[in-house]
Amino acid sequence: MAADNGLLMLLAGLGGGVLLAVLVLFLVLLRRSQVRLAAQLRALDEQHQQRLQALRVEASSFQQGSIRMGDELIALRDKLKQLEDRLQRVDQTDPHALPYNQAARLVSMGASIEDVTQSCGLSKAEAELVAKLHSARKQP
């Protein structure tokens, strides 16, 4: 009996030692896995930081381009306004164009051919031509 108890204690001790060895091995493997995952996480974080920086640079570039384009559009709008004003001044000072400009305005307001001929001093053919030209401009 004493030998059986000794054998049981020896087996229990060996089982405990094996269990302890397995537990230590498991902890070592777990630590290695943790270190490997931490390294992968740092690498991914570095990649994301680089991509974020590249996107910031790209967004800044787009923003600067949009600002320049807006400035150019404002300059073009101002230039167009100057040209429209200049054209209007030329139209108003050209004595030959004055009756035709007035006729075009009357036609755009819906005046008849007879009204245009009487108001502008144009012939019926000229008034009809102005009306046709004006209706052609209205159509896309």
N, C-alpha and C. Protein backbone atom coordinates (compact mmCIF):
# COMPACT_ATOMS: atom_id res chain seq x y z
N MET A 1 0.79 -1.18 0.00
CA MET A 1 0.00 0.00 0.00
C MET A 1 0.85 1.27 0.00
N ALA A 2 1.82 1.26 0.81
CA ALA A 2 2.70 2.40 0.88
C ALA A 2 3.36 2.59 -0.47
N ALA A 3 3.68 1.47 -1.13
CA ALA A 3 4.29 1.57 -2.45
C ALA A 3 3.29 2.13 -3.45
N ASP A 4 2.02 1.74 -3.29
CA ASP A 4 0.99 2.26 -4.20
C ASP A 4 0.81 3.76 -3.99
N ASN A 5 0.83 4.19 -2.74
CA ASN A 5 0.70 5.62 -2.46
C ASN A 5 1.90 6.38 -3.01
N GLY A 6 3.06 5.84 -2.90
CA GLY A 6 4.27 6.47 -3.42
C GLY A 6 4.20 6.57 -4.94
N LEU A 7 3.71 5.50 -5.56
CA LEU A 7 3.58 5.49 -7.02
C LEU A 7 2.56 6.52 -7.47
N LEU A 8 1.47 6.60 -6.73
CA LEU A 8 0.44 7.59 -7.07
C LEU A 8 0.99 9.01 -6.91
N MET A 9 1.75 9.22 -5.89
CA MET A 9 2.32 10.54 -5.66
C MET A 9 3.35 10.87 -6.74
N LEU A 10 4.12 9.85 -7.14
CA LEU A 10 5.10 10.05 -8.20
C LEU A 10 4.40 10.39 -9.52
N LEU A 11 3.34 9.65 -9.82
CA LEU A 11 2.57 9.92 -11.04
C LEU A 11 1.90 11.29 -10.97
N ALA A 12 1.40 11.65 -9.82
CA ALA A 12 0.77 12.95 -9.66
C ALA A 12 1.81 14.05 -9.85
N GLY A 13 3.00 13.86 -9.30
CA GLY A 13 4.07 14.83 -9.46
C GLY A 13 4.50 14.95 -10.90
N LEU A 14 4.64 13.79 -11.58
CA LEU A 14 5.00 13.81 -12.99
C LEU A 14 3.90 14.50 -13.81
N GLY A 15 2.66 14.19 -13.52
CA GLY A 15 1.53 14.82 -14.24
C GLY A 15 1.52 16.32 -14.03
N GLY A 16 1.79 16.74 -12.80
CA GLY A 16 1.85 18.16 -12.50
C GLY A 16 3.00 18.82 -13.24
N GLY A 17 4.15 18.12 -13.30
CA GLY A 17 5.30 18.66 -14.01
C GLY A 17 5.03 18.79 -15.49
N VAL A 18 4.39 17.76 -16.07
CA VAL A 18 4.04 17.80 -17.50
C VAL A 18 3.04 18.93 -17.75
N LEU A 19 2.09 19.06 -16.85
CA LEU A 19 1.09 20.11 -16.99
C LEU A 19 1.76 21.48 -16.91
N LEU A 20 2.71 21.61 -15.99
CA LEU A 20 3.45 22.86 -15.85
C LEU A 20 4.28 23.14 -17.11
N ALA A 21 4.92 22.13 -17.65
CA ALA A 21 5.73 22.29 -18.86
C ALA A 21 4.85 22.70 -20.04
N VAL A 22 3.67 22.09 -20.17
CA VAL A 22 2.74 22.44 -21.25
C VAL A 22 2.27 23.89 -21.08
N LEU A 23 1.99 24.27 -19.85
CA LEU A 23 1.54 25.63 -19.58
C LEU A 23 2.63 26.64 -19.92
N VAL A 24 3.88 26.36 -19.55
CA VAL A 24 5.00 27.25 -19.86
C VAL A 24 5.18 27.35 -21.37
N LEU A 25 5.11 26.20 -22.07
CA LEU A 25 5.24 26.20 -23.52
C LEU A 25 4.12 27.02 -24.16
N PHE A 26 2.92 26.88 -23.66
CA PHE A 26 1.78 27.65 -24.17
C PHE A 26 2.02 29.14 -23.97
N LEU A 27 2.50 29.54 -22.80
CA LEU A 27 2.77 30.95 -22.53
C LEU A 27 3.88 31.51 -23.42
N VAL A 28 4.91 30.71 -23.69
CA VAL A 28 5.99 31.14 -24.58
C VAL A 28 5.45 31.35 -25.99
N LEU A 29 4.67 30.39 -26.48
CA LEU A 29 4.07 30.53 -27.82
C LEU A 29 3.11 31.72 -27.89
N LEU A 30 2.36 31.93 -26.83
CA LEU A 30 1.43 33.05 -26.78
C LEU A 30 2.19 34.37 -26.83
N ARG A 31 3.31 34.46 -26.11
CA ARG A 31 4.13 35.68 -26.10
C ARG A 31 4.73 35.95 -27.49
N ARG A 32 5.23 34.91 -28.15
CA ARG A 32 5.78 35.06 -29.50
C ARG A 32 4.72 35.58 -30.47
N SER A 33 3.54 35.02 -30.34
CA SER A 33 2.43 35.43 -31.20
C SER A 33 2.07 36.89 -30.92
N GLN A 34 2.09 37.28 -29.65
CA GLN A 34 1.79 38.65 -29.27
C GLN A 34 2.84 39.62 -29.84
N VAL A 35 4.10 39.26 -29.79
CA VAL A 35 5.17 40.10 -30.32
C VAL A 35 5.04 40.23 -31.83
N ARG A 36 4.74 39.12 -32.52
CA ARG A 36 4.58 39.14 -33.97
C ARG A 36 3.38 40.02 -34.37
N LEU A 37 2.27 39.89 -33.66
CA LEU A 37 1.09 40.70 -33.95
C LEU A 37 1.34 42.19 -33.68
N ALA A 38 2.08 42.49 -32.63
CA ALA A 38 2.41 43.88 -32.33
C ALA A 38 3.27 44.48 -33.44
N ALA A 39 4.21 43.72 -33.97
CA ALA A 39 5.06 44.19 -35.07
C ALA A 39 4.21 44.42 -36.32
N GLN A 40 3.29 43.52 -36.61
CA GLN A 40 2.41 43.68 -37.78
C GLN A 40 1.53 44.92 -37.61
N LEU A 41 1.05 45.13 -36.40
CA LEU A 41 0.20 46.30 -36.12
C LEU A 41 0.98 47.59 -36.31
N ARG A 42 2.25 47.63 -35.85
CA ARG A 42 3.07 48.82 -36.05
C ARG A 42 3.32 49.07 -37.54
N ALA A 43 3.56 48.00 -38.30
CA ALA A 43 3.80 48.15 -39.75
C ALA A 43 2.54 48.69 -40.44
N LEU A 44 1.38 48.16 -40.08
CA LEU A 44 0.13 48.64 -40.67
C LEU A 44 -0.13 50.09 -40.28
N ASP A 45 0.16 50.43 -39.04
CA ASP A 45 -0.03 51.80 -38.60
C ASP A 45 0.87 52.75 -39.38
N GLU A 46 2.09 52.34 -39.62
CA GLU A 46 3.04 53.16 -40.40
C GLU A 46 2.52 53.33 -41.83
N GLN A 47 2.01 52.27 -42.44
CA GLN A 47 1.46 52.35 -43.80
C GLN A 47 0.27 53.31 -43.83
N HIS A 48 -0.60 53.21 -42.83
CA HIS A 48 -1.77 54.08 -42.79
C HIS A 48 -1.35 55.54 -42.60
N GLN A 49 -0.34 55.79 -41.78
CA GLN A 49 0.13 57.16 -41.58
C GLN A 49 0.71 57.73 -42.88
N GLN A 50 1.46 56.90 -43.62
CA GLN A 50 2.02 57.35 -44.89
C GLN A 50 0.92 57.65 -45.90
N ARG A 51 -0.08 56.79 -45.97
CA ARG A 51 -1.20 56.99 -46.90
C ARG A 51 -1.99 58.24 -46.51
N LEU A 52 -2.19 58.45 -45.21
CA LEU A 52 -2.90 59.63 -44.74
C LEU A 52 -2.14 60.90 -45.12
N GLN A 53 -0.84 60.89 -44.98
CA GLN A 53 -0.03 62.05 -45.36
C GLN A 53 -0.12 62.30 -46.87
N ALA A 54 -0.07 61.23 -47.65
CA ALA A 54 -0.19 61.38 -49.11
C ALA A 54 -1.55 61.97 -49.49
N LEU A 55 -2.61 61.53 -48.81
CA LEU A 55 -3.94 62.06 -49.08
C LEU A 55 -4.05 63.53 -48.67
N ARG A 56 -3.39 63.90 -47.58
CA ARG A 56 -3.39 65.31 -47.17
C ARG A 56 -2.72 66.18 -48.23
N VAL A 57 -1.59 65.71 -48.75
CA VAL A 57 -0.88 66.46 -49.79
C VAL A 57 -1.76 66.58 -51.03
N GLU A 58 -2.39 65.49 -51.41
CA GLU A 58 -3.25 65.48 -52.59
C GLU A 58 -4.44 66.42 -52.42
N ALA A 59 -5.07 66.40 -51.24
CA ALA A 59 -6.20 67.28 -50.97
C ALA A 59 -5.76 68.74 -51.01
N SER A 60 -4.60 69.03 -50.48
CA SER A 60 -4.08 70.40 -50.51
C SER A 60 -3.85 70.85 -51.95
N SER A 61 -3.32 69.95 -52.76
CA SER A 61 -3.08 70.27 -54.17
C SER A 61 -4.40 70.56 -54.89
N PHE A 62 -5.42 69.74 -54.63
CA PHE A 62 -6.74 69.97 -55.25
C PHE A 62 -7.32 71.30 -54.78
N GLN A 63 -7.14 71.60 -53.51
CA GLN A 63 -7.66 72.84 -52.97
C GLN A 63 -6.99 74.04 -53.64
N GLN A 64 -5.67 73.99 -53.78
CA GLN A 64 -4.95 75.09 -54.43
C GLN A 64 -5.38 75.24 -55.89
N GLY A 65 -5.57 74.09 -56.57
CA GLY A 65 -6.04 74.14 -57.95
C GLY A 65 -7.42 74.76 -58.06
N SER A 66 -8.29 74.42 -57.14
CA SER A 66 -9.64 74.98 -57.15
C SER A 66 -9.62 76.48 -56.91
N ILE A 67 -8.75 76.91 -56.01
CA ILE A 67 -8.64 78.34 -55.73
C ILE A 67 -8.15 79.07 -56.98
N ARG A 68 -7.11 78.52 -57.63
CA ARG A 68 -6.59 79.16 -58.84
C ARG A 68 -7.66 79.19 -59.93
N MET A 69 -8.42 78.10 -60.07
CA MET A 69 -9.46 78.05 -61.09
C MET A 69 -10.54 79.08 -60.79
N GLY A 70 -10.89 79.22 -59.52
CA GLY A 70 -11.88 80.23 -59.14
C GLY A 70 -11.40 81.64 -59.46
N ASP A 71 -10.13 81.90 -59.17
CA ASP A 71 -9.56 83.22 -59.49
C ASP A 71 -9.59 83.47 -60.99
N GLU A 72 -9.27 82.44 -61.77
CA GLU A 72 -9.29 82.59 -63.23
C GLU A 72 -10.71 82.82 -63.74
N LEU A 73 -11.69 82.14 -63.14
CA LEU A 73 -13.08 82.34 -63.55
C LEU A 73 -13.54 83.76 -63.24
N ILE A 74 -13.13 84.27 -62.09
CA ILE A 74 -13.49 85.65 -61.74
C ILE A 74 -12.86 86.62 -62.75
N ALA A 75 -11.59 86.38 -63.09
CA ALA A 75 -10.92 87.25 -64.07
C ALA A 75 -11.61 87.16 -65.43
N LEU A 76 -12.01 85.96 -65.84
CA LEU A 76 -12.71 85.81 -67.13
C LEU A 76 -14.07 86.50 -67.10
N ARG A 77 -14.77 86.39 -65.98
CA ARG A 77 -16.07 87.05 -65.86
C ARG A 77 -15.90 88.56 -65.96
N ASP A 78 -14.87 89.09 -65.30
CA ASP A 78 -14.60 90.53 -65.38
C ASP A 78 -14.26 90.95 -66.82
N LYS A 79 -13.44 90.14 -67.48
CA LYS A 79 -13.07 90.44 -68.87
C LYS A 79 -14.30 90.41 -69.78
N LEU A 80 -15.16 89.40 -69.57
CA LEU A 80 -16.38 89.30 -70.37
C LEU A 80 -17.27 90.52 -70.14
N LYS A 81 -17.37 90.97 -68.92
CA LYS A 81 -18.18 92.15 -68.61
C LYS A 81 -17.61 93.37 -69.32
N GLN A 82 -16.27 93.50 -69.31
CA GLN A 82 -15.64 94.62 -70.00
C GLN A 82 -15.93 94.57 -71.50
N LEU A 83 -15.85 93.37 -72.07
CA LEU A 83 -16.13 93.23 -73.51
C LEU A 83 -17.58 93.53 -73.83
N GLU A 84 -18.50 93.08 -72.97
CA GLU A 84 -19.91 93.38 -73.19
C GLU A 84 -20.16 94.89 -73.12
N ASP A 85 -19.55 95.54 -72.14
CA ASP A 85 -19.70 97.00 -72.02
C ASP A 85 -19.13 97.71 -73.25
N ARG A 86 -17.98 97.24 -73.69
CA ARG A 86 -17.35 97.85 -74.87
C ARG A 86 -18.21 97.66 -76.11
N LEU A 87 -18.76 96.45 -76.28
CA LEU A 87 -19.62 96.18 -77.43
C LEU A 87 -20.87 97.05 -77.37
N GLN A 88 -21.41 97.22 -76.19
CA GLN A 88 -22.60 98.06 -76.05
C GLN A 88 -22.28 99.51 -76.41
N ARG A 89 -21.10 100.00 -75.97
CA ARG A 89 -20.69 101.37 -76.32
C ARG A 89 -20.51 101.52 -77.83
N VAL A 90 -19.90 100.50 -78.46
CA VAL A 90 -19.70 100.54 -79.91
C VAL A 90 -21.05 100.55 -80.62
N ASP A 91 -21.97 99.69 -80.14
CA ASP A 91 -23.30 99.64 -80.75
C ASP A 91 -24.02 100.98 -80.62
N GLN A 92 -23.83 101.65 -79.51
CA GLN A 92 -24.53 102.91 -79.28
C GLN A 92 -23.92 104.06 -80.07
N THR A 93 -22.64 103.95 -80.39
CA THR A 93 -21.99 105.06 -81.10
C THR A 93 -21.96 104.87 -82.60
N ASP A 94 -22.24 103.66 -83.09
CA ASP A 94 -22.24 103.40 -84.53
C ASP A 94 -23.59 103.86 -85.10
N PRO A 95 -23.61 104.93 -85.90
CA PRO A 95 -24.89 105.46 -86.40
C PRO A 95 -25.59 104.51 -87.37
N HIS A 96 -24.84 103.65 -88.03
CA HIS A 96 -25.46 102.72 -88.98
C HIS A 96 -26.11 101.55 -88.27
N ALA A 97 -25.59 101.17 -87.12
CA ALA A 97 -26.12 100.01 -86.40
C ALA A 97 -27.29 100.37 -85.50
N LEU A 98 -27.45 101.63 -85.18
CA LEU A 98 -28.47 102.05 -84.23
C LEU A 98 -29.89 101.60 -84.62
N PRO A 99 -30.35 101.81 -85.86
CA PRO A 99 -31.72 101.37 -86.20
C PRO A 99 -31.88 99.86 -86.10
N TYR A 100 -30.84 99.14 -86.44
CA TYR A 100 -30.93 97.68 -86.40
C TYR A 100 -30.94 97.17 -84.95
N ASN A 101 -30.17 97.81 -84.11
CA ASN A 101 -30.18 97.42 -82.69
C ASN A 101 -31.54 97.70 -82.07
N GLN A 102 -32.06 98.87 -82.40
CA GLN A 102 -33.39 99.22 -81.89
C GLN A 102 -34.44 98.24 -82.43
N ALA A 103 -34.32 97.87 -83.69
CA ALA A 103 -35.26 96.92 -84.29
C ALA A 103 -35.16 95.56 -83.61
N ALA A 104 -33.94 95.11 -83.31
CA ALA A 104 -33.77 93.83 -82.63
C ALA A 104 -34.41 93.86 -81.24
N ARG A 105 -34.27 95.00 -80.54
CA ARG A 105 -34.91 95.12 -79.22
C ARG A 105 -36.42 95.07 -79.34
N LEU A 106 -36.95 95.77 -80.33
CA LEU A 106 -38.40 95.77 -80.52
C LEU A 106 -38.92 94.38 -80.87
N VAL A 107 -38.21 93.69 -81.74
CA VAL A 107 -38.63 92.34 -82.13
C VAL A 107 -38.59 91.41 -80.91
N SER A 108 -37.55 91.55 -80.08
CA SER A 108 -37.46 90.70 -78.89
C SER A 108 -38.59 90.97 -77.91
N MET A 109 -39.15 92.20 -77.98
CA MET A 109 -40.28 92.53 -77.10
C MET A 109 -41.61 92.15 -77.75
N GLY A 110 -41.57 91.61 -78.97
CA GLY A 110 -42.79 91.13 -79.61
C GLY A 110 -43.45 92.12 -80.55
N ALA A 111 -42.72 93.13 -80.96
CA ALA A 111 -43.30 94.13 -81.88
C ALA A 111 -43.53 93.50 -83.25
N SER A 112 -44.52 94.01 -83.96
CA SER A 112 -44.83 93.51 -85.30
C SER A 112 -43.87 94.14 -86.31
N ILE A 113 -43.88 93.60 -87.54
CA ILE A 113 -43.02 94.10 -88.61
C ILE A 113 -43.38 95.56 -88.92
N GLU A 114 -44.67 95.86 -88.92
CA GLU A 114 -45.11 97.22 -89.21
C GLU A 114 -44.62 98.20 -88.14
N ASP A 115 -44.68 97.78 -86.87
CA ASP A 115 -44.20 98.64 -85.78
C ASP A 115 -42.70 98.90 -85.93
N VAL A 116 -41.96 97.88 -86.31
CA VAL A 116 -40.52 98.01 -86.47
C VAL A 116 -40.20 98.97 -87.62
N THR A 117 -40.90 98.82 -88.73
CA THR A 117 -40.63 99.70 -89.89
C THR A 117 -40.93 101.15 -89.54
N GLN A 118 -42.01 101.40 -88.82
CA GLN A 118 -42.39 102.77 -88.47
C GLN A 118 -41.44 103.37 -87.42
N SER A 119 -41.06 102.59 -86.43
CA SER A 119 -40.24 103.12 -85.34
C SER A 119 -38.78 103.30 -85.72
N CYS A 120 -38.27 102.42 -86.58
CA CYS A 120 -36.83 102.43 -86.86
C CYS A 120 -36.47 102.99 -88.23
N GLY A 121 -37.46 103.21 -89.06
CA GLY A 121 -37.18 103.74 -90.38
C GLY A 121 -36.58 102.70 -91.31
N LEU A 122 -36.84 101.43 -91.06
CA LEU A 122 -36.34 100.36 -91.91
C LEU A 122 -37.38 99.99 -92.95
N SER A 123 -36.93 99.40 -94.04
CA SER A 123 -37.88 98.89 -95.03
C SER A 123 -38.51 97.61 -94.47
N LYS A 124 -39.60 97.19 -95.12
CA LYS A 124 -40.28 95.98 -94.67
C LYS A 124 -39.35 94.78 -94.77
N ALA A 125 -38.56 94.70 -95.82
CA ALA A 125 -37.63 93.58 -96.01
C ALA A 125 -36.57 93.58 -94.89
N GLU A 126 -36.07 94.77 -94.55
CA GLU A 126 -35.07 94.84 -93.48
C GLU A 126 -35.67 94.42 -92.13
N ALA A 127 -36.88 94.87 -91.86
CA ALA A 127 -37.55 94.50 -90.61
C ALA A 127 -37.80 93.00 -90.55
N GLU A 128 -38.20 92.41 -91.69
CA GLU A 128 -38.41 90.95 -91.73
C GLU A 128 -37.11 90.20 -91.50
N LEU A 129 -36.03 90.72 -92.07
CA LEU A 129 -34.72 90.09 -91.89
C LEU A 129 -34.29 90.14 -90.41
N VAL A 130 -34.47 91.29 -89.79
CA VAL A 130 -34.13 91.41 -88.36
C VAL A 130 -34.97 90.43 -87.54
N ALA A 131 -36.24 90.32 -87.86
CA ALA A 131 -37.12 89.41 -87.12
C ALA A 131 -36.66 87.96 -87.30
N LYS A 132 -36.29 87.59 -88.53
CA LYS A 132 -35.82 86.21 -88.78
C LYS A 132 -34.50 85.95 -88.07
N LEU A 133 -33.59 86.91 -88.12
CA LEU A 133 -32.31 86.73 -87.43
C LEU A 133 -32.52 86.61 -85.93
N HIS A 134 -33.42 87.42 -85.41
CA HIS A 134 -33.66 87.37 -83.97
C HIS A 134 -34.30 86.05 -83.56
N SER A 135 -35.22 85.53 -84.38
CA SER A 135 -35.87 84.25 -84.04
C SER A 135 -34.86 83.10 -84.18
N ALA A 136 -33.91 83.22 -85.10
CA ALA A 136 -32.88 82.18 -85.26
C ALA A 136 -31.95 82.16 -84.04
N ARG A 137 -31.69 83.31 -83.44
CA ARG A 137 -30.83 83.37 -82.24
C ARG A 137 -31.52 82.77 -81.03
N LYS A 138 -32.82 82.86 -80.96
CA LYS A 138 -33.56 82.31 -79.83
C LYS A 138 -33.53 80.78 -79.82
N GLN A 139 -33.50 80.18 -81.01
CA GLN A 139 -33.51 78.73 -81.12
C GLN A 139 -32.12 78.19 -80.83
N PRO A 140 -32.02 77.05 -80.05
CA PRO A 140 -30.70 76.50 -79.74
C PRO A 140 -30.03 75.84 -80.92
